[in-house]
Amino acid sequence: MERKAFKMHLNEGQKEEYKKRHDEIWPELKKLLKDAGVSEYSIFLDEETNTLFAFQKVRGDGGSQDLGQTEIVKKWWAFMSDIMKSNPDNSPVTVPLDEVFYME
């Protein structure tokens, strides 16, 4: 099991909308993530900086960031692009983070 973390940026004032959209995550997207080996996925918000911190446990080589070629992920990115910093293809701007400490 691999642990992956990355950060993203939420637009000012979009906390409630971001939370609402994730509370209503599309079942087919959730299934795709699980089928890709994502067994845990948490996103935290630093409200001082609007930085989103994402953490995943992943079986295999991939993770959510490797599913951008699927239609459902492309639709999700487009759906989310108005409330967060996004790339020209609507994918969220992400910065991978290196793990520097882990305690089991």
Protein backbone atom coordinates (compact mmCIF):
# COMPACT_ATOMS: atom_id res chain seq x y z
CA MET A 1 0.00 0.00 0.00
CA GLU A 2 1.39 3.37 -1.00
CA ARG A 3 0.45 6.68 0.62
CA LYS A 4 0.20 9.69 -1.65
CA ALA A 5 -0.34 13.33 -0.77
CA PHE A 6 -0.71 16.48 -2.81
CA LYS A 7 -2.00 19.99 -2.46
CA MET A 8 -4.41 22.08 -4.50
CA HIS A 9 -5.85 25.59 -4.20
CA LEU A 10 -9.48 26.45 -3.53
CA ASN A 11 -10.84 29.80 -4.74
CA GLU A 12 -11.76 32.29 -2.02
CA GLY A 13 -15.20 31.74 -0.49
CA GLN A 14 -15.78 28.30 -2.03
CA LYS A 15 -15.41 26.07 1.05
CA GLU A 16 -19.11 25.22 1.39
CA GLU A 17 -19.57 24.60 -2.34
CA TYR A 18 -16.46 22.39 -2.46
CA LYS A 19 -17.70 20.39 0.52
CA LYS A 20 -21.20 20.10 -0.96
CA ARG A 21 -19.91 18.78 -4.28
CA HIS A 22 -17.75 16.20 -2.53
CA ASP A 23 -20.56 15.18 -0.18
CA GLU A 24 -22.50 14.39 -3.36
CA ILE A 25 -19.61 12.73 -5.23
CA TRP A 26 -20.86 10.86 -8.24
CA PRO A 27 -21.19 7.09 -7.57
CA GLU A 28 -19.45 6.24 -10.85
CA LEU A 29 -16.47 8.41 -9.89
CA LYS A 30 -16.24 6.81 -6.45
CA LYS A 31 -16.35 3.35 -8.09
CA LEU A 32 -13.62 4.33 -10.55
CA LEU A 33 -11.38 5.49 -7.70
CA LYS A 34 -11.92 2.29 -5.74
CA ASP A 35 -11.37 0.15 -8.84
CA ALA A 36 -8.10 2.05 -9.43
CA GLY A 37 -6.91 1.01 -5.97
CA VAL A 38 -7.72 4.12 -3.94
CA SER A 39 -8.89 2.71 -0.60
CA GLU A 40 -8.77 5.89 1.45
CA TYR A 41 -9.00 9.48 0.24
CA SER A 42 -9.17 12.52 2.50
CA ILE A 43 -9.02 16.20 1.64
CA PHE A 44 -8.36 18.87 4.26
CA LEU A 45 -8.61 22.65 3.92
CA ASP A 46 -6.26 25.25 5.40
CA GLU A 47 -8.68 28.17 5.53
CA GLU A 48 -5.91 30.74 6.05
CA THR A 49 -4.37 29.98 2.67
CA ASN A 50 -7.24 28.17 0.86
CA THR A 51 -4.82 25.27 0.39
CA LEU A 52 -6.40 21.86 0.01
CA PHE A 53 -4.31 18.95 1.28
CA ALA A 54 -5.22 15.55 -0.16
CA PHE A 55 -4.14 12.17 1.17
CA GLN A 56 -4.73 8.75 -0.41
CA LYS A 57 -3.86 5.15 0.25
CA VAL A 58 -3.34 3.41 -3.07
CA ARG A 59 -2.77 -0.19 -4.11
CA GLY A 60 -0.64 -0.49 -7.22
CA ASP A 61 1.20 2.23 -9.10
CA GLY A 62 -1.58 4.74 -9.71
CA GLY A 63 -3.86 7.05 -7.82
CA SER A 64 -6.55 9.57 -8.55
CA GLN A 65 -4.05 11.79 -10.35
CA ASP A 66 -3.51 9.07 -12.96
CA LEU A 67 -7.15 8.83 -14.09
CA GLY A 68 -7.31 12.01 -16.14
CA GLN A 69 -7.82 10.17 -19.41
CA THR A 70 -11.23 8.81 -18.32
CA GLU A 71 -14.40 10.62 -19.36
CA ILE A 72 -15.88 10.68 -15.85
CA VAL A 73 -12.76 12.34 -14.42
CA LYS A 74 -12.73 14.88 -17.25
CA LYS A 75 -16.38 15.70 -16.44
CA TRP A 76 -15.55 16.01 -12.72
CA TRP A 77 -12.65 18.34 -13.45
CA ALA A 78 -14.89 20.55 -15.58
CA PHE A 79 -17.52 20.51 -12.82
CA MET A 80 -14.93 21.60 -10.23
CA SER A 81 -12.91 24.05 -12.32
CA ASP A 82 -15.01 27.10 -11.42
CA ILE A 83 -14.20 26.86 -7.70
CA MET A 84 -10.51 25.92 -7.67
CA LYS A 85 -7.25 26.71 -9.42
CA SER A 86 -7.24 24.64 -12.62
CA ASN A 87 -5.05 23.92 -15.61
CA PRO A 88 -6.19 24.69 -19.19
CA ASP A 89 -7.59 21.11 -19.46
CA ASN A 90 -9.66 21.75 -16.28
CA SER A 91 -7.52 19.41 -14.18
CA PRO A 92 -6.81 20.84 -10.75
CA VAL A 93 -3.39 22.39 -10.29
CA THR A 94 -1.73 19.88 -7.98
CA VAL A 95 1.62 19.81 -6.24
CA PRO A 96 2.79 16.37 -5.12
CA LEU A 97 4.16 16.25 -1.60
CA ASP A 98 7.03 14.07 -0.37
CA GLU A 99 6.46 12.11 2.80
CA VAL A 100 9.05 13.08 5.39
CA PHE A 101 7.60 11.27 8.42
CA TYR A 102 5.27 8.34 9.00
CA MET A 103 4.29 6.64 12.24
CA GLU A 104 2.23 3.48 12.25
